[in-house]
Protein backbone atom coordinates (compact mmCIF):
# COMPACT_ATOMS: atom_id res chain seq x y z
CA MET A 1 56.41 64.65 -119.24
CA GLY A 2 56.03 67.50 -116.78
CA VAL A 3 58.09 65.85 -114.08
CA ALA A 4 60.71 64.86 -116.68
CA VAL A 5 61.19 68.55 -117.45
CA TYR A 6 61.34 69.37 -113.74
CA PHE A 7 63.85 66.53 -113.22
CA VAL A 8 66.25 68.08 -115.75
CA ALA A 9 65.67 71.60 -114.37
CA VAL A 10 66.72 70.46 -110.89
CA ILE A 11 69.84 68.77 -112.28
CA PHE A 12 70.86 72.09 -113.80
CA ARG A 13 69.81 74.10 -110.72
CA THR A 14 71.80 71.99 -108.26
CA SER A 15 74.82 71.21 -110.43
CA LEU A 16 76.65 74.19 -108.92
CA GLY A 17 76.22 72.67 -105.45
CA VAL A 18 78.82 69.98 -106.21
CA ALA A 19 80.97 72.34 -108.27
CA GLY A 20 81.30 75.22 -105.80
CA LEU A 21 84.99 74.67 -105.07
CA ASP A 22 85.71 74.16 -108.79
CA ALA A 23 83.82 77.36 -109.67
CA ALA A 24 85.77 79.35 -107.08
CA ALA A 25 89.04 78.12 -108.59
CA ARG A 26 87.92 78.54 -112.21
CA PHE A 27 86.70 82.13 -111.83
CA HIS A 28 89.10 83.16 -109.02
CA VAL A 29 86.38 84.39 -106.62
CA ASN A 30 85.88 84.46 -102.84
CA ALA A 31 82.93 83.15 -100.79
CA SER A 32 80.70 86.19 -101.32
CA ALA A 33 81.25 86.18 -105.08
CA LEU A 34 80.70 82.43 -105.21
CA SER A 35 77.41 82.73 -103.37
CA THR A 36 76.34 85.37 -105.92
CA PHE A 37 75.97 82.61 -108.52
CA SER A 38 73.22 80.90 -106.54
CA ILE A 39 71.78 84.15 -105.16
CA LEU A 40 71.29 85.61 -108.64
CA GLN A 41 69.80 82.35 -109.87
CA LEU A 42 67.34 82.25 -106.97
CA LEU A 43 66.64 86.00 -107.23
CA VAL A 44 65.53 85.51 -110.82
CA TYR A 45 63.61 82.37 -109.84
CA ALA A 46 61.76 84.05 -106.98
CA GLY A 47 61.05 87.20 -108.96
CA MET A 48 59.58 85.15 -111.80
CA GLN A 49 57.12 83.16 -109.69
CA ILE A 50 54.10 85.48 -109.86
CA PRO A 51 54.62 86.35 -113.57
CA VAL A 52 54.98 82.64 -114.35
CA GLY A 53 51.84 81.84 -112.37
CA LEU A 54 49.94 84.43 -114.40
CA LEU A 55 51.38 83.04 -117.64
CA VAL A 56 50.35 79.50 -116.72
CA ASP A 57 46.81 80.65 -115.92
CA ARG A 58 46.70 82.57 -119.22
CA LEU A 59 48.66 80.46 -121.76
CA GLY A 60 48.54 76.93 -120.36
CA THR A 61 51.35 74.67 -119.27
CA LYS A 62 52.81 73.42 -122.55
CA LYS A 63 53.78 76.84 -123.86
CA VAL A 64 55.26 77.96 -120.54
CA LEU A 65 57.22 74.72 -120.09
CA THR A 66 58.59 75.04 -123.64
CA PHE A 67 59.89 78.55 -122.90
CA GLY A 68 61.39 77.26 -119.66
CA VAL A 69 63.25 74.33 -121.26
CA VAL A 70 64.78 76.55 -123.94
CA LEU A 71 65.99 79.06 -121.36
CA PHE A 72 67.46 76.67 -118.79
CA THR A 73 69.19 74.60 -121.51
CA LEU A 74 70.82 77.70 -122.99
CA GLY A 75 71.78 78.79 -119.47
CA GLN A 76 73.48 75.47 -118.69
CA LEU A 77 75.34 75.48 -122.00
CA GLY A 78 76.40 79.09 -121.48
CA PHE A 79 77.70 78.24 -118.01
CA ALA A 80 79.82 75.46 -119.53
CA LEU A 81 81.39 77.80 -122.06
CA SER A 82 81.68 80.97 -119.94
CA PRO A 83 85.20 82.42 -120.08
CA SER A 84 84.64 84.89 -117.23
CA TYR A 85 82.77 85.44 -113.99
CA GLY A 86 80.40 87.96 -115.60
CA THR A 87 79.26 85.69 -118.43
CA ALA A 88 78.88 82.82 -115.98
CA LEU A 89 76.59 85.00 -113.84
CA ALA A 90 74.47 85.87 -116.87
CA SER A 91 74.19 82.18 -117.73
CA ARG A 92 73.01 81.27 -114.22
CA ALA A 93 70.43 84.06 -114.40
CA MET A 94 69.08 82.65 -117.67
CA LEU A 95 69.02 79.19 -116.10
CA GLY A 96 67.09 80.52 -113.12
CA CYS A 97 64.54 82.15 -115.43
CA GLY A 98 63.86 78.89 -117.24
CA ASP A 99 63.86 76.88 -114.02
CA ALA A 100 61.22 79.23 -112.61
CA MET A 101 58.76 78.11 -115.26
CA THR A 102 58.82 74.41 -114.43
CA PHE A 103 57.38 73.53 -111.02
CA ILE A 104 54.29 75.74 -111.15
CA SER A 105 53.52 74.30 -114.58
CA VAL A 106 53.83 70.77 -113.21
CA LEU A 107 51.45 71.59 -110.34
CA ARG A 108 48.97 73.01 -112.85
CA LEU A 109 49.19 69.79 -114.88
CA GLY A 110 48.38 67.89 -111.69
CA THR A 111 45.19 69.87 -111.12
CA ARG A 112 44.11 69.28 -114.73
CA TRP A 113 44.80 65.53 -114.87
CA PHE A 114 44.01 64.35 -111.31
CA PRO A 115 41.17 64.84 -108.80
CA ALA A 116 41.69 67.39 -106.03
CA ARG A 117 42.02 64.76 -103.29
CA ARG A 118 45.23 63.56 -104.92
CA GLY A 119 46.78 67.02 -104.92
CA PRO A 120 49.10 66.47 -101.94
CA MET A 121 50.46 63.21 -103.35
CA ILE A 122 50.93 64.67 -106.84
CA ALA A 123 52.92 67.59 -105.42
CA GLN A 124 55.11 65.25 -103.36
CA ILE A 125 55.74 62.93 -106.32
CA ALA A 126 56.71 65.90 -108.48
CA ALA A 127 59.11 67.01 -105.77
CA LEU A 128 60.46 63.45 -105.54
CA PHE A 129 61.39 63.53 -109.22
CA GLY A 130 63.09 66.85 -108.55
CA MET A 131 65.11 65.23 -105.79
CA ALA A 132 66.06 62.47 -108.21
CA GLY A 133 67.55 65.25 -110.35
CA ASN A 134 69.46 66.45 -107.30
CA LEU A 135 70.71 62.89 -106.86
CA VAL A 136 72.08 62.93 -110.41
CA SER A 137 73.99 66.11 -109.55
CA THR A 138 75.53 64.75 -106.36
CA VAL A 139 76.40 61.33 -107.77
CA PHE A 140 77.25 61.80 -111.44
CA ILE A 141 78.12 65.45 -112.08
CA SER A 142 80.48 65.54 -109.10
CA ARG A 143 82.34 62.56 -110.58
CA THR A 144 82.42 63.69 -114.20
CA LEU A 145 83.80 67.07 -113.15
CA HIS A 146 87.04 65.40 -112.13
CA SER A 147 87.16 62.87 -114.96
CA LEU A 148 85.97 65.00 -117.92
CA GLY A 149 86.49 68.57 -116.72
CA TRP A 150 84.28 71.63 -116.42
CA THR A 151 83.30 72.31 -120.03
CA ALA A 152 82.57 68.71 -121.03
CA THR A 153 80.51 68.08 -117.89
CA PHE A 154 78.23 71.10 -118.12
CA ALA A 155 77.96 71.10 -121.93
CA GLY A 156 77.21 67.38 -121.96
CA SER A 157 74.51 67.73 -119.31
CA SER A 158 72.76 70.41 -121.40
CA LEU A 159 71.88 67.68 -123.93
CA ALA A 160 69.31 66.44 -121.41
CA GLY A 161 67.45 69.72 -121.95
CA VAL A 162 67.36 69.14 -125.70
CA LEU A 163 65.95 65.64 -125.14
CA VAL A 164 63.08 66.73 -122.86
CA LEU A 165 62.28 69.62 -125.22
CA VAL A 166 61.71 67.19 -128.09
CA LEU A 167 59.58 64.88 -125.93
CA LEU A 168 57.61 67.83 -124.57
CA LEU A 169 56.75 69.14 -128.03
CA LEU A 170 55.75 65.70 -129.28
CA PHE A 171 53.74 64.27 -126.41
CA LEU A 172 52.63 66.71 -123.70
CA LYS A 173 48.96 67.71 -123.46
CA ASP A 174 47.67 70.44 -121.14
CA HIS A 175 44.53 68.52 -120.17
CA PRO A 176 42.60 65.34 -121.00
CA GLU A 177 40.48 65.30 -124.14
CA GLY A 178 37.06 66.76 -123.51
CA HIS A 179 38.13 68.61 -120.35
CA GLU A 180 39.20 71.94 -121.80
CA PRO A 181 39.25 74.78 -119.26
CA PRO A 182 36.86 77.71 -119.78
CA PRO A 183 38.18 80.55 -121.98
CA SER A 184 40.49 82.97 -120.20
CA GLU A 185 39.28 86.42 -119.32
CA HIS A 186 40.63 89.37 -121.21
CA ALA A 187 44.24 89.82 -120.13
CA GLY A 188 45.38 93.25 -119.11
CA ALA A 189 46.85 95.21 -116.26
CA ALA A 190 43.56 95.21 -114.35
CA PHE A 191 43.20 91.43 -114.77
CA VAL A 192 46.75 90.84 -113.56
CA ARG A 193 46.28 93.06 -110.52
CA ARG A 194 43.01 91.33 -109.68
CA GLN A 195 44.54 87.85 -109.96
CA ILE A 196 47.40 88.76 -107.63
CA ALA A 197 45.23 90.70 -105.17
CA GLU A 198 42.57 88.01 -104.89
CA SER A 199 45.18 85.27 -104.42
CA TRP A 200 47.06 87.28 -101.79
CA ARG A 201 43.85 88.18 -99.98
CA GLU A 202 43.32 84.54 -99.11
CA PRO A 203 45.02 83.70 -95.77
CA GLY A 204 45.64 80.18 -97.08
CA THR A 205 47.87 81.59 -99.83
CA ARG A 206 49.89 83.65 -97.36
CA LEU A 207 50.13 80.78 -94.88
CA GLY A 208 51.32 78.52 -97.68
CA MET A 209 54.00 81.04 -98.62
CA TRP A 210 55.31 81.26 -95.04
CA VAL A 211 55.27 77.48 -94.61
CA HIS A 212 57.30 77.21 -97.81
CA PHE A 213 59.58 80.03 -96.62
CA THR A 214 60.31 78.41 -93.26
CA THR A 215 60.72 74.79 -94.29
CA GLN A 216 62.58 74.86 -97.59
CA PHE A 217 65.68 77.00 -97.08
CA PRO A 218 67.59 74.99 -94.39
CA ALA A 219 68.19 72.19 -96.88
CA MET A 220 68.19 74.31 -100.03
CA PHE A 221 71.19 76.49 -99.16
CA PHE A 222 73.04 73.37 -97.97
CA LEU A 223 72.44 71.40 -101.16
CA LEU A 224 72.65 74.31 -103.56
CA LEU A 225 76.05 75.64 -102.54
CA TRP A 226 77.35 75.52 -98.97
CA GLY A 227 77.00 71.86 -97.97
CA LEU A 228 80.12 70.61 -99.74
CA PRO A 229 82.42 73.43 -98.52
CA PHE A 230 81.07 73.01 -94.97
CA LEU A 231 81.67 69.27 -94.88
CA VAL A 232 85.09 69.47 -96.54
CA GLU A 233 86.58 72.63 -95.05
CA ALA A 234 84.85 72.84 -91.65
CA GLN A 235 84.33 69.14 -90.89
CA GLY A 236 87.50 67.77 -92.47
CA MET A 237 85.78 65.24 -94.71
CA SER A 238 86.95 64.10 -98.12
CA ARG A 239 85.03 65.26 -101.17
CA ALA A 240 83.82 61.69 -101.71
CA GLY A 241 82.54 61.42 -98.13
CA ALA A 242 80.87 64.82 -98.34
CA GLY A 243 79.20 63.80 -101.59
CA GLU A 244 77.81 60.70 -99.88
CA LEU A 245 76.24 62.84 -97.14
CA LEU A 246 74.70 65.17 -99.72
CA THR A 247 73.30 62.07 -101.41
CA LEU A 248 71.84 61.03 -98.06
CA VAL A 249 69.91 64.31 -97.89
CA VAL A 250 68.42 63.59 -101.28
CA LEU A 251 67.51 59.98 -100.46
CA SER A 252 65.91 61.05 -97.17
CA ASN A 253 63.94 63.69 -99.07
CA MET A 254 62.58 61.13 -101.52
CA PHE A 255 61.49 58.73 -98.77
CA VAL A 256 59.94 61.40 -96.53
CA GLY A 257 58.11 62.91 -99.50
CA LEU A 258 56.22 59.69 -100.13
CA VAL A 259 55.33 59.41 -96.44
CA TYR A 260 54.15 63.03 -96.14
CA GLY A 261 52.09 62.74 -99.32
CA GLN A 262 50.28 59.64 -98.06
CA VAL A 263 49.67 61.09 -94.59
CA ILE A 264 48.31 64.43 -95.80
CA GLY A 265 46.22 62.79 -98.52
CA ARG A 266 44.44 60.73 -95.84
CA HIS A 267 44.55 63.16 -92.90
CA HIS A 268 44.29 66.77 -94.05
CA GLU A 269 44.59 68.06 -90.49
CA ALA A 270 48.16 66.68 -90.33
CA ARG A 271 49.48 69.53 -92.50
CA MET A 272 50.36 71.95 -89.71
CA PRO A 273 51.83 69.39 -87.23
CA LEU A 274 54.08 68.01 -89.98
CA ALA A 275 55.23 71.48 -91.07
CA LEU A 276 55.97 72.75 -87.55
CA GLY A 277 57.47 69.41 -86.50
CA THR A 278 59.89 69.56 -89.42
CA VAL A 279 60.91 73.12 -88.53
CA GLY A 280 61.54 72.11 -84.91
CA ALA A 281 63.56 69.03 -85.84
CA THR A 282 65.63 71.04 -88.33
CA ALA A 283 66.39 73.78 -85.79
CA LEU A 284 67.44 71.17 -83.20
CA ALA A 285 69.71 69.33 -85.65
CA TRP A 286 71.40 72.55 -86.74
CA ALA A 287 71.83 73.72 -83.14
CA LEU A 288 73.48 70.46 -82.07
CA THR A 289 75.82 70.53 -85.06
CA ILE A 290 76.82 74.17 -84.65
CA VAL A 291 77.38 74.16 -80.87
CA TYR A 292 79.14 70.79 -80.69
CA PRO A 293 82.23 71.46 -78.55
CA GLY A 294 84.76 69.48 -80.60
CA GLU A 295 86.62 70.75 -83.63
CA HIS A 296 84.55 68.47 -85.87
CA ALA A 297 81.04 67.17 -85.27
CA PRO A 298 80.90 63.36 -84.96
CA MET A 299 79.78 61.39 -88.00
CA TRP A 300 76.56 60.21 -86.33
CA LEU A 301 75.52 63.84 -85.81
CA LEU A 302 76.29 64.82 -89.41
CA ILE A 303 74.30 61.82 -90.64
CA THR A 304 71.39 62.81 -88.39
CA LEU A 305 71.55 66.38 -89.71
CA CYS A 306 71.43 65.20 -93.31
CA VAL A 307 68.53 62.82 -92.65
CA VAL A 308 66.55 65.63 -90.97
CA LEU A 309 67.36 68.07 -93.77
CA GLY A 310 65.80 65.54 -96.13
CA ALA A 311 62.39 66.33 -94.61
CA CYS A 312 62.62 70.03 -95.50
CA GLY A 313 61.66 69.65 -99.16
CA PRO A 314 58.56 67.51 -98.49
CA ALA A 315 57.52 69.89 -95.70
CA SER A 316 57.76 72.84 -98.08
CA MET A 317 55.26 71.13 -100.40
CA ILE A 318 52.70 71.42 -97.59
CA GLY A 319 52.56 75.13 -98.37
CA PHE A 320 50.78 74.34 -101.65
CA ASP A 321 48.26 72.23 -99.73
CA PHE A 322 47.18 75.37 -97.85
CA ALA A 323 46.96 77.54 -100.99
CA ARG A 324 45.24 74.98 -103.23
CA PRO A 325 41.86 74.80 -101.43
CA ALA A 326 41.88 78.57 -100.87
CA ASN A 327 41.81 79.46 -104.58
CA PRO A 328 39.59 78.51 -107.54
CA PRO A 329 41.10 76.69 -110.57
CA GLN A 330 41.59 79.89 -112.58
CA ARG A 331 43.91 81.26 -109.86
CA GLN A 332 45.91 78.12 -109.07
CA GLY A 333 48.95 79.18 -111.07
CA THR A 334 49.10 82.64 -109.50
CA ALA A 335 48.61 81.29 -105.97
CA SER A 336 51.26 78.61 -106.49
CA GLY A 337 53.65 81.28 -107.70
CA ILE A 338 53.16 83.29 -104.51
CA VAL A 339 53.76 80.20 -102.37
CA ASN A 340 56.82 79.11 -104.33
CA MET A 341 58.32 82.57 -104.00
CA GLY A 342 58.54 82.14 -100.22
CA GLY A 343 61.07 79.35 -99.95
CA PHE A 344 63.31 80.64 -102.71
CA THR A 345 63.36 84.13 -101.19
CA ALA A 346 64.47 82.60 -97.89
CA SER A 347 67.07 80.42 -99.62
CA MET A 348 68.46 83.42 -101.49
CA THR A 349 68.67 85.41 -98.25
CA MET A 350 70.45 82.55 -96.50
CA LEU A 351 72.96 82.10 -99.31
CA LEU A 352 73.80 85.81 -99.17
CA ALA A 353 74.06 85.86 -95.38
CA VAL A 354 76.37 82.84 -95.26
CA GLY A 355 78.66 84.23 -97.95
CA ILE A 356 78.96 87.63 -96.22
CA LEU A 357 79.48 86.11 -92.76
CA LEU A 358 82.11 83.67 -94.00
CA ASP A 359 84.14 86.51 -95.50
CA ALA A 360 83.65 88.67 -92.38
CA THR A 361 84.63 85.91 -89.90
CA ASP A 362 87.51 84.28 -91.78
CA ASP A 363 85.41 81.26 -92.83
CA ASN A 364 83.79 80.57 -89.47
CA PHE A 365 80.97 78.25 -90.52
CA ARG A 366 79.46 78.11 -87.03
CA ILE A 367 78.76 81.82 -86.99
CA ALA A 368 77.65 81.92 -90.62
CA PHE A 369 75.25 78.99 -90.29
CA SER A 370 73.70 80.45 -87.12
CA SER A 371 71.73 82.81 -89.36
CA VAL A 372 69.41 79.87 -90.09
CA PHE A 373 67.66 80.49 -86.75
CA VAL A 374 66.78 84.10 -87.62
CA LEU A 375 64.83 83.11 -90.72
CA GLU A 376 63.17 80.18 -88.97
CA ALA A 377 61.99 82.42 -86.14
CA LEU A 378 60.52 84.92 -88.60
CA GLY A 379 58.68 82.18 -90.45
CA ILE A 380 57.26 80.56 -87.32
CA VAL A 381 55.84 83.89 -86.12
CA GLN A 382 54.02 84.38 -89.43
CA ILE A 383 52.74 80.78 -89.52
CA LEU A 384 51.29 81.03 -86.02
CA ARG A 385 49.69 84.37 -86.90
CA LEU A 386 47.89 83.01 -89.99
CA ARG A 387 46.98 79.42 -89.14
CA ALA A 388 43.76 80.13 -87.17
CA ARG A 389 42.43 82.47 -89.86
CA THR A 390 43.17 79.91 -92.57
CA ALA A 391 41.47 77.10 -90.64
CA ARG A 392 38.38 79.27 -90.15
CA ARG A 393 38.13 80.08 -93.87
CA GLU A 394 38.51 76.40 -94.79
CA ARG A 395 35.67 75.45 -92.42
CA GLU A 396 33.46 78.17 -93.93
CA ARG A 397 34.13 76.86 -97.44
CA LEU A 398 33.40 73.30 -96.36
CA VAL A 399 30.04 74.31 -94.88
CA ALA A 400 29.18 76.37 -97.98
CA SER A 401 30.02 73.49 -100.33
CA ARG A 402 27.82 71.11 -98.34
CA VAL A 403 24.91 73.55 -98.42
CA GLU A 404 25.26 73.96 -102.19
CA ALA A 405 25.31 70.18 -102.62
CA VAL A 406 21.94 69.68 -100.86
CA HIS A 407 19.25 68.77 -103.40
CA VAL A 408 15.86 70.36 -102.73
CA PRO A 409 13.05 68.68 -104.76
CA ALA A 410 10.67 70.95 -106.61
């Protein structure tokens, strides 16, 4: 039930990615104003991560997911009916607020229903269902936009939110019977500050945030808004051909997610090589595409770029695998919120930078997309700074847990 909610949330989140050109025409806006849709949505999403983590730790997943479904369904319906740019912006902000409540709740469900050793696979499977939602956007919403029109497409898709809300209320349970969590501490300002401070104090939480920051955004900004305009306007592809390449990113993401989940579940030390390897491959693919001397990059290079971008989502899930062992169960929601904030902050920054640079350079995508390297460099510096400290803390915890497990007869 949790991943069903997340599936619908991602459909709504990414539906603008295949409707960017239609939105620009409908609301008569330029590139910067168009990017504001996604920037505002991600700004709300990122800003909500720590509050949502605290709410999940305090209220449980079912209540938070219910709030989220109501908000993102109303946001999608409002976007369908918006008569102006301003009301459309408000609708995307509401959608982002509801969307922000989904993934952390799903991760919390995973920790309640599955043993810790399955954490990496559970996170990757949840992300896979999210990518399936992205697939629905690229395949179906892009087609219905041209056959049914704007209002019918977005209003009709909002019915999926009503469906998962009913199923959620009827069937979802926070935890298995007989495995209730201990009562929450008294909630207050001091409790909130302590939850955030103790989560942030752990180097594993901060490393997880920077891994998420560095790995997620190269694919996110591409899928969320700028991929279709880049492929159509800069690479001369048809909308159908561009949609197929966006679909390839999603399919690659789903396949790589299963592989990464299996590898990390069996070999915990593979987390950092996989994360840094994905960053390096992504930077290389972008560099080759941007500096290609011809007017248009060859199809084999665009296909390679999209396949490599598919690894970004699974690599971003590795960030949670650093934060999870660094925090006790009562702080998992807060720590996950801090990690999740990283990638969406980077994606929001990238969306803004691309929109501004496109307007400033008369739609020069090569210059605009070069900003990807600035954020990647920042993230790599922070990852390298924190990885040794995190590894040392994990070894200390492992030794301590083994000592505590030793039975000394009386």
